[in-house]
Amino acid sequence: MRLKSILSPVLLGLICVVVFISCKSKVSDADLKAKVEQVVNSNPTVFVDVKDAVVTLTGNVQNEDERLNLEKAAKAAEPKAIKSVVNNLSITPVLVSSDDIALTDKVLDATKDFPNIKATVAEGIITVTGEVEQARIQTLKMSLDALNPKKVDLSGVKVK
């Protein structure tokens, strides 16, 4: 008799749990698509498609890191609802103009005496990063300005 009085509430509780879990609403493909689009919106060339909780990413990115980061971000958007992510993102090759190649050679020569400096050229703009002594920053700036680029960006340089 005592067993029946204990067993009934336990069975009722188990039935309620099973019903609650089975009635839990499934996230729709449209909702998944909206969530994934929200997290990959940093790249307007990436398109998202969702079918049966499988996310497909298509479009172009600039490098492999960006490709993998977008895939991880898509998975993290709704990890319990997304079955898998198909990464069909293509890496767009970076086109370098002949002017940038010539300027790059000159920049390498101008920065050869600055071992802690890294300089890159893109679209005629020299971007410099690294560390340089206070006494030598002016020399670096003048030698790069003498190359006649569109701009010299020293914002990434730490002056010691």
N, C-alpha and C. Protein backbone atom coordinates (compact mmCIF):
# COMPACT_ATOMS: atom_id res chain seq x y z
N MET A 1 0.81 -1.18 0.00
CA MET A 1 0.00 0.00 0.00
C MET A 1 0.87 1.26 0.00
N ARG A 2 1.89 1.25 0.82
CA ARG A 2 2.78 2.40 0.91
C ARG A 2 3.55 2.58 -0.41
N LEU A 3 3.92 1.48 -1.06
CA LEU A 3 4.63 1.50 -2.33
C LEU A 3 3.79 2.18 -3.41
N LYS A 4 2.49 1.92 -3.42
CA LYS A 4 1.59 2.54 -4.40
C LYS A 4 1.54 4.06 -4.20
N SER A 5 1.52 4.50 -2.96
CA SER A 5 1.42 5.94 -2.70
C SER A 5 2.71 6.67 -3.09
N ILE A 6 3.83 6.02 -3.06
CA ILE A 6 5.10 6.63 -3.47
C ILE A 6 5.28 6.52 -4.98
N LEU A 7 4.92 5.37 -5.53
CA LEU A 7 5.13 5.09 -6.94
C LEU A 7 4.28 5.98 -7.84
N SER A 8 3.08 6.28 -7.48
CA SER A 8 2.18 7.09 -8.30
C SER A 8 2.74 8.49 -8.59
N PRO A 9 3.16 9.26 -7.59
CA PRO A 9 3.71 10.59 -7.89
C PRO A 9 5.01 10.52 -8.71
N VAL A 10 5.82 9.50 -8.48
CA VAL A 10 7.06 9.35 -9.24
C VAL A 10 6.74 9.08 -10.70
N LEU A 11 5.82 8.18 -10.97
CA LEU A 11 5.42 7.88 -12.35
C LEU A 11 4.80 9.11 -13.02
N LEU A 12 3.98 9.82 -12.30
CA LEU A 12 3.37 11.03 -12.84
C LEU A 12 4.44 12.06 -13.20
N GLY A 13 5.44 12.21 -12.34
CA GLY A 13 6.55 13.13 -12.61
C GLY A 13 7.33 12.73 -13.84
N LEU A 14 7.63 11.43 -13.98
CA LEU A 14 8.35 10.94 -15.15
C LEU A 14 7.56 11.16 -16.44
N ILE A 15 6.28 10.93 -16.39
CA ILE A 15 5.42 11.14 -17.56
C ILE A 15 5.44 12.62 -17.95
N CYS A 16 5.37 13.50 -16.96
CA CYS A 16 5.40 14.95 -17.24
C CYS A 16 6.73 15.35 -17.90
N VAL A 17 7.83 14.80 -17.42
CA VAL A 17 9.15 15.11 -18.00
C VAL A 17 9.22 14.63 -19.44
N VAL A 18 8.77 13.42 -19.71
CA VAL A 18 8.81 12.86 -21.06
C VAL A 18 7.93 13.70 -21.99
N VAL A 19 6.76 14.07 -21.56
CA VAL A 19 5.86 14.88 -22.38
C VAL A 19 6.48 16.25 -22.65
N PHE A 20 7.07 16.86 -21.63
CA PHE A 20 7.69 18.17 -21.77
C PHE A 20 8.83 18.13 -22.80
N ILE A 21 9.69 17.13 -22.70
CA ILE A 21 10.82 17.00 -23.62
C ILE A 21 10.34 16.74 -25.04
N SER A 22 9.38 15.88 -25.22
CA SER A 22 8.91 15.54 -26.56
C SER A 22 8.11 16.67 -27.20
N CYS A 23 7.52 17.54 -26.40
CA CYS A 23 6.74 18.65 -26.93
C CYS A 23 7.58 19.91 -27.15
N LYS A 24 8.84 19.85 -26.79
CA LYS A 24 9.71 21.00 -26.94
C LYS A 24 9.74 21.41 -28.42
N SER A 25 9.56 22.70 -28.66
CA SER A 25 9.47 23.17 -30.04
C SER A 25 10.82 23.12 -30.73
N LYS A 26 10.79 22.75 -31.99
CA LYS A 26 11.98 22.65 -32.82
C LYS A 26 12.23 24.01 -33.46
N VAL A 27 13.51 24.41 -33.56
CA VAL A 27 13.85 25.68 -34.18
C VAL A 27 13.67 25.54 -35.69
N SER A 28 12.95 26.46 -36.29
CA SER A 28 12.68 26.37 -37.72
C SER A 28 13.93 26.75 -38.53
N ASP A 29 13.96 26.29 -39.77
CA ASP A 29 15.06 26.63 -40.66
C ASP A 29 15.16 28.14 -40.86
N ALA A 30 14.02 28.81 -40.93
CA ALA A 30 14.02 30.27 -41.12
C ALA A 30 14.65 30.96 -39.92
N ASP A 31 14.33 30.48 -38.71
CA ASP A 31 14.93 31.06 -37.50
C ASP A 31 16.43 30.80 -37.45
N LEU A 32 16.83 29.59 -37.82
CA LEU A 32 18.25 29.27 -37.86
C LEU A 32 18.98 30.16 -38.86
N LYS A 33 18.37 30.34 -40.03
CA LYS A 33 18.99 31.18 -41.05
C LYS A 33 19.17 32.61 -40.54
N ALA A 34 18.17 33.14 -39.87
CA ALA A 34 18.25 34.50 -39.34
C ALA A 34 19.37 34.62 -38.30
N LYS A 35 19.49 33.61 -37.43
CA LYS A 35 20.54 33.64 -36.40
C LYS A 35 21.93 33.55 -37.01
N VAL A 36 22.10 32.68 -38.00
CA VAL A 36 23.41 32.53 -38.64
C VAL A 36 23.75 33.78 -39.44
N GLU A 37 22.78 34.34 -40.15
CA GLU A 37 23.03 35.57 -40.91
C GLU A 37 23.46 36.70 -39.99
N GLN A 38 22.90 36.72 -38.79
CA GLN A 38 23.24 37.77 -37.83
C GLN A 38 24.71 37.66 -37.40
N VAL A 39 25.23 36.45 -37.24
CA VAL A 39 26.61 36.30 -36.79
C VAL A 39 27.63 36.39 -37.92
N VAL A 40 27.22 36.19 -39.16
CA VAL A 40 28.16 36.29 -40.28
C VAL A 40 27.97 37.57 -41.07
N ASN A 41 27.21 38.51 -40.53
CA ASN A 41 26.90 39.74 -41.25
C ASN A 41 28.11 40.64 -41.46
N SER A 42 29.25 40.32 -40.83
CA SER A 42 30.46 41.13 -41.02
C SER A 42 30.99 41.03 -42.45
N ASN A 43 30.56 40.01 -43.16
CA ASN A 43 31.00 39.83 -44.54
C ASN A 43 29.78 39.82 -45.47
N PRO A 44 29.57 40.90 -46.21
CA PRO A 44 28.38 40.97 -47.06
C PRO A 44 28.42 40.04 -48.27
N THR A 45 29.56 39.40 -48.53
CA THR A 45 29.64 38.50 -49.67
C THR A 45 29.36 37.05 -49.29
N VAL A 46 28.97 36.83 -48.02
CA VAL A 46 28.66 35.47 -47.56
C VAL A 46 27.14 35.31 -47.52
N PHE A 47 26.69 34.21 -48.09
CA PHE A 47 25.26 33.92 -48.14
C PHE A 47 24.98 32.65 -47.35
N VAL A 48 23.83 32.62 -46.68
CA VAL A 48 23.46 31.52 -45.80
C VAL A 48 22.21 30.85 -46.33
N ASP A 49 22.23 29.52 -46.34
CA ASP A 49 21.04 28.74 -46.68
C ASP A 49 20.91 27.66 -45.62
N VAL A 50 19.68 27.35 -45.23
CA VAL A 50 19.43 26.32 -44.22
C VAL A 50 18.34 25.39 -44.72
N LYS A 51 18.61 24.09 -44.67
CA LYS A 51 17.61 23.10 -45.03
C LYS A 51 17.75 21.94 -44.07
N ASP A 52 16.67 21.62 -43.39
CA ASP A 52 16.65 20.53 -42.40
C ASP A 52 17.76 20.68 -41.37
N ALA A 53 17.97 21.90 -40.89
CA ALA A 53 18.95 22.25 -39.85
C ALA A 53 20.39 22.08 -40.30
N VAL A 54 20.62 21.97 -41.61
CA VAL A 54 21.98 21.93 -42.16
C VAL A 54 22.24 23.30 -42.79
N VAL A 55 23.25 23.99 -42.28
CA VAL A 55 23.59 25.34 -42.74
C VAL A 55 24.62 25.23 -43.86
N THR A 56 24.39 25.97 -44.95
CA THR A 56 25.34 26.02 -46.05
C THR A 56 25.80 27.46 -46.23
N LEU A 57 27.12 27.66 -46.18
CA LEU A 57 27.70 28.98 -46.39
C LEU A 57 28.31 29.03 -47.79
N THR A 58 27.98 30.07 -48.55
CA THR A 58 28.56 30.26 -49.88
C THR A 58 29.00 31.71 -50.00
N GLY A 59 29.89 31.95 -50.92
CA GLY A 59 30.37 33.32 -51.14
C GLY A 59 31.88 33.36 -51.15
N ASN A 60 32.40 34.57 -50.99
CA ASN A 60 33.85 34.78 -51.07
C ASN A 60 34.38 35.42 -49.80
N VAL A 61 35.57 34.97 -49.40
CA VAL A 61 36.28 35.55 -48.27
C VAL A 61 37.71 35.84 -48.71
N GLN A 62 38.45 36.57 -47.86
CA GLN A 62 39.79 36.98 -48.26
C GLN A 62 40.87 35.97 -47.93
N ASN A 63 40.64 35.13 -46.89
CA ASN A 63 41.70 34.18 -46.52
C ASN A 63 41.10 32.98 -45.77
N GLU A 64 41.95 32.00 -45.51
CA GLU A 64 41.51 30.76 -44.87
C GLU A 64 41.04 31.00 -43.44
N ASP A 65 41.70 31.91 -42.72
CA ASP A 65 41.28 32.21 -41.35
C ASP A 65 39.85 32.74 -41.31
N GLU A 66 39.54 33.65 -42.20
CA GLU A 66 38.18 34.20 -42.26
C GLU A 66 37.18 33.10 -42.61
N ARG A 67 37.55 32.23 -43.51
CA ARG A 67 36.69 31.10 -43.92
C ARG A 67 36.36 30.21 -42.73
N LEU A 68 37.39 29.84 -41.95
CA LEU A 68 37.19 28.97 -40.79
C LEU A 68 36.45 29.68 -39.67
N ASN A 69 36.75 30.96 -39.45
CA ASN A 69 36.07 31.72 -38.40
C ASN A 69 34.58 31.87 -38.68
N LEU A 70 34.21 32.07 -39.93
CA LEU A 70 32.79 32.17 -40.28
C LEU A 70 32.09 30.83 -40.07
N GLU A 71 32.76 29.74 -40.37
CA GLU A 71 32.18 28.42 -40.14
C GLU A 71 31.94 28.20 -38.64
N LYS A 72 32.93 28.54 -37.82
CA LYS A 72 32.78 28.39 -36.37
C LYS A 72 31.66 29.28 -35.83
N ALA A 73 31.58 30.50 -36.34
CA ALA A 73 30.53 31.42 -35.90
C ALA A 73 29.15 30.89 -36.27
N ALA A 74 29.05 30.29 -37.45
CA ALA A 74 27.76 29.73 -37.88
C ALA A 74 27.36 28.57 -36.96
N LYS A 75 28.30 27.70 -36.62
CA LYS A 75 28.00 26.58 -35.72
C LYS A 75 27.57 27.07 -34.35
N ALA A 76 28.21 28.14 -33.89
CA ALA A 76 27.94 28.66 -32.55
C ALA A 76 26.62 29.44 -32.46
N ALA A 77 26.03 29.77 -33.59
CA ALA A 77 24.80 30.56 -33.59
C ALA A 77 23.66 29.85 -32.86
N GLU A 78 23.55 28.56 -33.05
CA GLU A 78 22.51 27.75 -32.40
C GLU A 78 23.03 26.31 -32.36
N PRO A 79 24.02 26.03 -31.50
CA PRO A 79 24.71 24.74 -31.56
C PRO A 79 23.83 23.51 -31.34
N LYS A 80 22.77 23.64 -30.55
CA LYS A 80 21.92 22.47 -30.29
C LYS A 80 20.98 22.17 -31.46
N ALA A 81 20.66 23.19 -32.24
CA ALA A 81 19.69 23.00 -33.33
C ALA A 81 20.35 22.74 -34.68
N ILE A 82 21.58 23.22 -34.87
CA ILE A 82 22.25 23.04 -36.16
C ILE A 82 22.89 21.67 -36.21
N LYS A 83 22.51 20.90 -37.22
CA LYS A 83 23.07 19.56 -37.39
C LYS A 83 24.51 19.63 -37.89
N SER A 84 24.75 20.45 -38.92
CA SER A 84 26.09 20.59 -39.47
C SER A 84 26.17 21.88 -40.28
N VAL A 85 27.42 22.25 -40.62
CA VAL A 85 27.66 23.43 -41.46
C VAL A 85 28.47 22.98 -42.67
N VAL A 86 27.95 23.27 -43.85
CA VAL A 86 28.66 22.98 -45.10
C VAL A 86 29.34 24.28 -45.52
N ASN A 87 30.67 24.27 -45.52
CA ASN A 87 31.43 25.47 -45.82
C ASN A 87 31.86 25.48 -47.29
N ASN A 88 31.09 26.19 -48.12
CA ASN A 88 31.41 26.31 -49.54
C ASN A 88 31.99 27.69 -49.85
N LEU A 89 32.63 28.32 -48.86
CA LEU A 89 33.20 29.64 -49.06
C LEU A 89 34.49 29.53 -49.88
N SER A 90 34.65 30.44 -50.82
CA SER A 90 35.83 30.47 -51.68
C SER A 90 36.74 31.61 -51.24
N ILE A 91 38.03 31.39 -51.38
CA ILE A 91 39.00 32.43 -51.06
C ILE A 91 39.30 33.20 -52.33
N THR A 92 39.05 34.51 -52.29
CA THR A 92 39.29 35.37 -53.43
C THR A 92 40.76 35.77 -53.42
N PRO A 93 41.47 35.52 -54.50
CA PRO A 93 42.87 35.92 -54.52
C PRO A 93 43.00 37.44 -54.48
N VAL A 94 44.00 37.90 -53.74
CA VAL A 94 44.26 39.33 -53.63
C VAL A 94 45.09 39.76 -54.84
N LEU A 95 44.57 40.72 -55.56
CA LEU A 95 45.28 41.22 -56.73
C LEU A 95 46.22 42.33 -56.30
N VAL A 96 47.47 42.21 -56.68
CA VAL A 96 48.48 43.21 -56.33
C VAL A 96 48.89 43.92 -57.60
N SER A 97 48.82 45.24 -57.57
CA SER A 97 49.19 46.01 -58.75
C SER A 97 50.71 46.06 -58.90
N SER A 98 51.16 46.31 -60.10
CA SER A 98 52.60 46.40 -60.34
C SER A 98 53.19 47.61 -59.61
N ASP A 99 52.38 48.66 -59.42
CA ASP A 99 52.85 49.82 -58.64
C ASP A 99 53.12 49.42 -57.20
N ASP A 100 52.24 48.59 -56.63
CA ASP A 100 52.44 48.13 -55.25
C ASP A 100 53.67 47.24 -55.13
N ILE A 101 53.93 46.44 -56.16
CA ILE A 101 55.11 45.57 -56.14
C ILE A 101 56.39 46.42 -56.14
N ALA A 102 56.42 47.42 -57.01
CA ALA A 102 57.59 48.30 -57.07
C ALA A 102 57.76 49.06 -55.76
N LEU A 103 56.66 49.56 -55.20
CA LEU A 103 56.72 50.29 -53.93
C LEU A 103 57.15 49.38 -52.79
N THR A 104 56.69 48.14 -52.81
CA THR A 104 57.07 47.17 -51.78
C THR A 104 58.58 46.95 -51.77
N ASP A 105 59.16 46.83 -52.94
CA ASP A 105 60.62 46.66 -53.03
C ASP A 105 61.34 47.86 -52.41
N LYS A 106 60.85 49.06 -52.70
CA LYS A 106 61.47 50.27 -52.15
C LYS A 106 61.27 50.35 -50.63
N VAL A 107 60.10 49.93 -50.16
CA VAL A 107 59.83 49.95 -48.71
C VAL A 107 60.75 48.96 -48.00
N LEU A 108 60.94 47.80 -48.56
CA LEU A 108 61.86 46.82 -47.96
C LEU A 108 63.26 47.40 -47.83
N ASP A 109 63.70 48.11 -48.86
CA ASP A 109 65.02 48.73 -48.81
C ASP A 109 65.06 49.84 -47.75
N ALA A 110 64.00 50.65 -47.67
CA ALA A 110 63.97 51.76 -46.72
C ALA A 110 63.89 51.31 -45.27
N THR A 111 63.34 50.12 -45.03
CA THR A 111 63.16 49.64 -43.66
C THR A 111 64.19 48.58 -43.25
N LYS A 112 65.19 48.34 -44.09
CA LYS A 112 66.16 47.27 -43.79
C LYS A 112 66.95 47.53 -42.51
N ASP A 113 67.10 48.79 -42.11
CA ASP A 113 67.84 49.13 -40.89
C ASP A 113 66.93 49.17 -39.66
N PHE A 114 65.69 48.75 -39.81
CA PHE A 114 64.72 48.74 -38.71
C PHE A 114 64.21 47.31 -38.54
N PRO A 115 64.98 46.46 -37.79
CA PRO A 115 64.64 45.04 -37.70
C PRO A 115 63.31 44.74 -37.00
N ASN A 116 62.81 45.65 -36.17
CA ASN A 116 61.56 45.41 -35.44
C ASN A 116 60.35 46.02 -36.13
N ILE A 117 60.52 46.42 -37.37
CA ILE A 117 59.46 47.06 -38.13
C ILE A 117 59.02 46.15 -39.27
N LYS A 118 57.71 46.09 -39.47
CA LYS A 118 57.14 45.37 -40.61
C LYS A 118 56.29 46.37 -41.38
N ALA A 119 56.50 46.44 -42.68
CA ALA A 119 55.74 47.36 -43.51
C ALA A 119 55.10 46.60 -44.67
N THR A 120 53.83 46.91 -44.91
CA THR A 120 53.12 46.30 -46.03
C THR A 120 52.57 47.41 -46.93
N VAL A 121 52.37 47.07 -48.20
CA VAL A 121 51.86 48.03 -49.16
C VAL A 121 50.57 47.48 -49.77
N ALA A 122 49.53 48.29 -49.78
CA ALA A 122 48.27 47.93 -50.42
C ALA A 122 47.65 49.19 -50.99
N GLU A 123 47.40 49.17 -52.27
CA GLU A 123 46.77 50.29 -52.98
C GLU A 123 47.53 51.59 -52.77
N GLY A 124 48.86 51.50 -52.74
CA GLY A 124 49.69 52.68 -52.61
C GLY A 124 49.85 53.21 -51.19
N ILE A 125 49.28 52.51 -50.23
CA ILE A 125 49.36 52.93 -48.82
C ILE A 125 50.34 52.03 -48.09
N ILE A 126 51.31 52.65 -47.41
CA ILE A 126 52.28 51.90 -46.62
C ILE A 126 51.78 51.83 -45.19
N THR A 127 51.59 50.60 -44.69
CA THR A 127 51.14 50.39 -43.32
C THR A 127 52.30 49.78 -42.54
N VAL A 128 52.68 50.46 -41.45
CA VAL A 128 53.86 50.07 -40.69
C VAL A 128 53.43 49.61 -39.30
N THR A 129 54.00 48.48 -38.85
CA THR A 129 53.77 47.96 -37.51
C THR A 129 55.11 47.58 -36.89
N GLY A 130 55.11 47.43 -35.57
CA GLY A 130 56.32 47.02 -34.88
C GLY A 130 56.75 48.05 -33.85
N GLU A 131 58.04 47.99 -33.48
CA GLU A 131 58.59 48.89 -32.47
C GLU A 131 59.80 49.63 -33.02
N VAL A 132 59.94 50.89 -32.62
CA VAL A 132 61.09 51.69 -33.03
C VAL A 132 61.43 52.65 -31.89
N GLU A 133 62.71 52.99 -31.79
CA GLU A 133 63.15 53.92 -30.76
C GLU A 133 62.67 55.33 -31.11
N GLN A 134 62.42 56.13 -30.08
CA GLN A 134 61.95 57.51 -30.26
C GLN A 134 62.90 58.30 -31.17
N ALA A 135 64.20 58.10 -31.02
CA ALA A 135 65.18 58.86 -31.79
C ALA A 135 65.17 58.49 -33.28
N ARG A 136 64.60 57.34 -33.64
CA ARG A 136 64.66 56.88 -35.04
C ARG A 136 63.32 56.97 -35.78
N ILE A 137 62.25 57.32 -35.07
CA ILE A 137 60.93 57.35 -35.72
C ILE A 137 60.88 58.40 -36.83
N GLN A 138 61.51 59.55 -36.60
CA GLN A 138 61.51 60.60 -37.61
C GLN A 138 62.26 60.16 -38.88
N THR A 139 63.36 59.45 -38.69
CA THR A 139 64.14 58.95 -39.83
C THR A 139 63.30 57.96 -40.65
N LEU A 140 62.60 57.07 -39.95
CA LEU A 140 61.73 56.10 -40.62
C LEU A 140 60.64 56.81 -41.41
N LYS A 141 59.98 57.76 -40.79
CA LYS A 141 58.89 58.49 -41.43
C LYS A 141 59.39 59.23 -42.68
N MET A 142 60.52 59.89 -42.57
CA MET A 142 61.06 60.65 -43.71
C MET A 142 61.46 59.73 -44.86
N SER A 143 62.06 58.59 -44.54
CA SER A 143 62.48 57.68 -45.61
C SER A 143 61.27 57.07 -46.33
N LEU A 144 60.19 56.82 -45.61
CA LEU A 144 58.98 56.28 -46.24
C LEU A 144 58.24 57.35 -47.03
N ASP A 145 58.18 58.57 -46.49
CA ASP A 145 57.55 59.68 -47.22
C ASP A 145 58.28 59.97 -48.53
N ALA A 146 59.60 59.78 -48.54
CA ALA A 146 60.39 60.04 -49.74
C ALA A 146 60.03 59.10 -50.90
N LEU A 147 59.35 58.00 -50.60
CA LEU A 147 58.95 57.05 -51.64
C LEU A 147 57.69 57.49 -52.38
N ASN A 148 57.07 58.57 -51.93
CA ASN A 148 55.86 59.14 -52.53
C ASN A 148 54.67 58.19 -52.57
N PRO A 149 54.34 57.56 -51.45
CA PRO A 149 53.13 56.73 -51.44
C PRO A 149 51.89 57.62 -51.31
N LYS A 150 50.71 57.00 -51.43
CA LYS A 150 49.48 57.76 -51.20
C LYS A 150 49.40 58.20 -49.74
N LYS A 151 49.88 57.30 -48.85
CA LYS A 151 49.81 57.59 -47.43
C LYS A 151 50.80 56.67 -46.70
N VAL A 152 51.31 57.14 -45.56
CA VAL A 152 52.11 56.30 -44.67
C VAL A 152 51.37 56.22 -43.37
N ASP A 153 50.95 54.99 -42.99
CA ASP A 153 50.19 54.75 -41.77
C ASP A 153 51.11 54.18 -40.70
N LEU A 154 51.45 55.02 -39.71
CA LEU A 154 52.33 54.60 -38.61
C LEU A 154 51.54 54.32 -37.33
N SER A 155 50.24 54.19 -37.43
CA SER A 155 49.41 53.99 -36.23
C SER A 155 49.70 52.68 -35.52
N GLY A 156 50.29 51.71 -36.21
CA GLY A 156 50.60 50.43 -35.60
C GLY A 156 52.01 50.36 -35.03
N VAL A 157 52.71 51.47 -35.01
CA VAL A 157 54.09 51.50 -34.53
C VAL A 157 54.10 51.91 -33.05
N LYS A 158 54.81 51.12 -32.26
CA LYS A 158 55.00 51.42 -30.84
C LYS A 158 56.35 52.10 -30.70
N VAL A 159 56.35 53.30 -30.14
CA VAL A 159 57.60 54.04 -29.95
C VAL A 159 58.12 53.76 -28.55
N LYS A 160 59.39 53.28 -28.50
CA LYS A 160 60.01 52.95 -27.20
C LYS A 160 60.71 54.17 -26.63
